Amino acid sequence: MIRVLLTERIKKTALKLPSHLREKASQAIADVSAAFGDTHQHRGLGLRKLARRSYEIRVESQWRVVFIYDGKALIAYDIMNHDDVSLWLRGQRK
């Protein structure tokens, strides 16, 4: 099990979401915490590597939780839609 830290950003985003989506995101974060590092379980969860240190997990068809791996823990950065994740990735690669 890996430690997952929540950013202020994800906390603020979660407050704006409907309760059912907040619960799904919370469950996804717990699942990633329990399975990170086991590639077989990654596939079952839908955890996908985005870039060198970033990952996403699908919460619903359009919503993703984005994580940053700092070498010791996963940082749950934000909950974004697919388009926002793409924009965020472009900004990270500059």
Protein backbone atom coordinates (compact mmCIF):
# COMPACT_ATOMS: atom_id res chain seq x y z
CA MET A 1 0.00 0.00 0.00
CA ILE A 2 1.34 3.40 -0.96
CA ARG A 3 0.53 6.61 0.86
CA VAL A 4 -1.68 9.03 -1.08
CA LEU A 5 -1.56 12.72 -0.26
CA LEU A 6 -4.39 15.06 -1.24
CA THR A 7 -3.64 18.54 -2.55
CA GLU A 8 -5.73 21.55 -1.62
CA ARG A 9 -6.62 21.73 -5.30
CA ILE A 10 -8.31 18.30 -5.34
CA LYS A 11 -10.13 19.08 -2.10
CA LYS A 12 -11.57 22.28 -3.58
CA THR A 13 -12.54 20.53 -6.82
CA ALA A 14 -14.22 17.69 -4.92
CA LEU A 15 -16.42 20.13 -3.01
CA LYS A 16 -17.86 21.40 -6.30
CA LEU A 17 -18.75 17.93 -7.59
CA PRO A 18 -21.99 16.00 -7.04
CA SER A 19 -21.81 13.65 -4.05
CA HIS A 20 -21.95 10.46 -6.16
CA LEU A 21 -18.93 11.60 -8.17
CA ARG A 22 -17.06 12.59 -5.00
CA GLU A 23 -17.65 9.11 -3.58
CA LYS A 24 -16.45 7.43 -6.78
CA ALA A 25 -13.31 9.58 -6.76
CA SER A 26 -12.67 8.74 -3.12
CA GLN A 27 -13.04 5.03 -3.85
CA ALA A 28 -10.72 5.30 -6.87
CA ILE A 29 -8.05 6.98 -4.72
CA ALA A 30 -8.35 4.21 -2.10
CA ASP A 31 -8.10 1.53 -4.81
CA VAL A 32 -4.97 3.11 -6.27
CA SER A 33 -3.41 3.35 -2.82
CA ALA A 34 -3.91 -0.37 -2.31
CA ALA A 35 -2.77 -1.46 -5.79
CA PHE A 36 -0.03 0.95 -6.90
CA GLY A 37 3.09 -0.91 -7.99
CA ASP A 38 1.25 -4.06 -9.09
CA THR A 39 0.83 -3.69 -12.85
CA HIS A 40 -1.73 -6.51 -13.03
CA GLN A 41 -4.04 -4.66 -10.64
CA HIS A 42 -3.37 -1.35 -12.46
CA ARG A 43 -5.09 -2.71 -15.54
CA GLY A 44 -8.12 -3.82 -13.58
CA LEU A 45 -8.47 -0.37 -12.05
CA GLY A 46 -7.87 1.51 -15.25
CA LEU A 47 -4.80 3.27 -13.86
CA ARG A 48 -2.84 4.70 -16.74
CA LYS A 49 0.57 6.33 -16.86
CA LEU A 50 0.38 9.75 -18.52
CA ALA A 51 3.98 10.93 -18.38
CA ARG A 52 7.15 10.23 -16.47
CA ARG A 53 5.68 10.87 -13.01
CA SER A 54 1.96 11.30 -13.63
CA TYR A 55 -0.93 8.87 -13.73
CA GLU A 56 -4.69 8.99 -14.12
CA ILE A 57 -7.56 6.78 -13.13
CA ARG A 58 -11.01 7.01 -14.65
CA VAL A 59 -13.78 7.83 -12.20
CA GLU A 60 -16.59 8.07 -14.75
CA SER A 61 -16.58 8.16 -18.52
CA GLN A 62 -15.43 11.78 -18.59
CA TRP A 63 -13.83 12.33 -15.15
CA ARG A 64 -10.29 11.38 -14.09
CA VAL A 65 -8.24 11.66 -10.91
CA VAL A 66 -4.71 12.78 -11.76
CA PHE A 67 -1.81 11.64 -9.57
CA ILE A 68 1.82 12.69 -9.38
CA TYR A 69 4.31 10.15 -8.06
CA ASP A 70 7.13 11.76 -6.07
CA GLY A 71 9.13 8.56 -5.52
CA LYS A 72 7.72 7.91 -2.05
CA ALA A 73 4.02 8.73 -2.24
CA LEU A 74 1.29 9.45 -4.73
CA ILE A 75 -0.09 12.95 -4.72
CA ALA A 76 -3.74 13.12 -5.77
CA TYR A 77 -3.44 16.36 -7.70
CA ASP A 78 -6.91 17.05 -9.11
CA ILE A 79 -10.12 15.68 -10.59
CA MET A 80 -10.38 16.74 -14.22
CA ASN A 81 -12.28 15.93 -17.34
CA HIS A 82 -10.47 14.33 -20.26
CA ASP A 83 -9.87 17.63 -22.07
CA ASP A 84 -8.45 19.31 -18.95
CA VAL A 85 -6.05 16.41 -18.46
CA SER A 86 -4.78 16.87 -22.03
CA LEU A 87 -4.26 20.61 -21.47
CA TRP A 88 -2.55 19.99 -18.14
CA LEU A 89 -0.16 17.47 -19.74
CA ARG A 90 0.82 19.92 -22.46
CA GLY A 91 1.68 22.47 -19.75
CA GLN A 92 3.76 19.89 -17.87
CA ARG A 93 5.89 19.06 -20.90
CA LYS A 94 7.10 22.63 -21.46
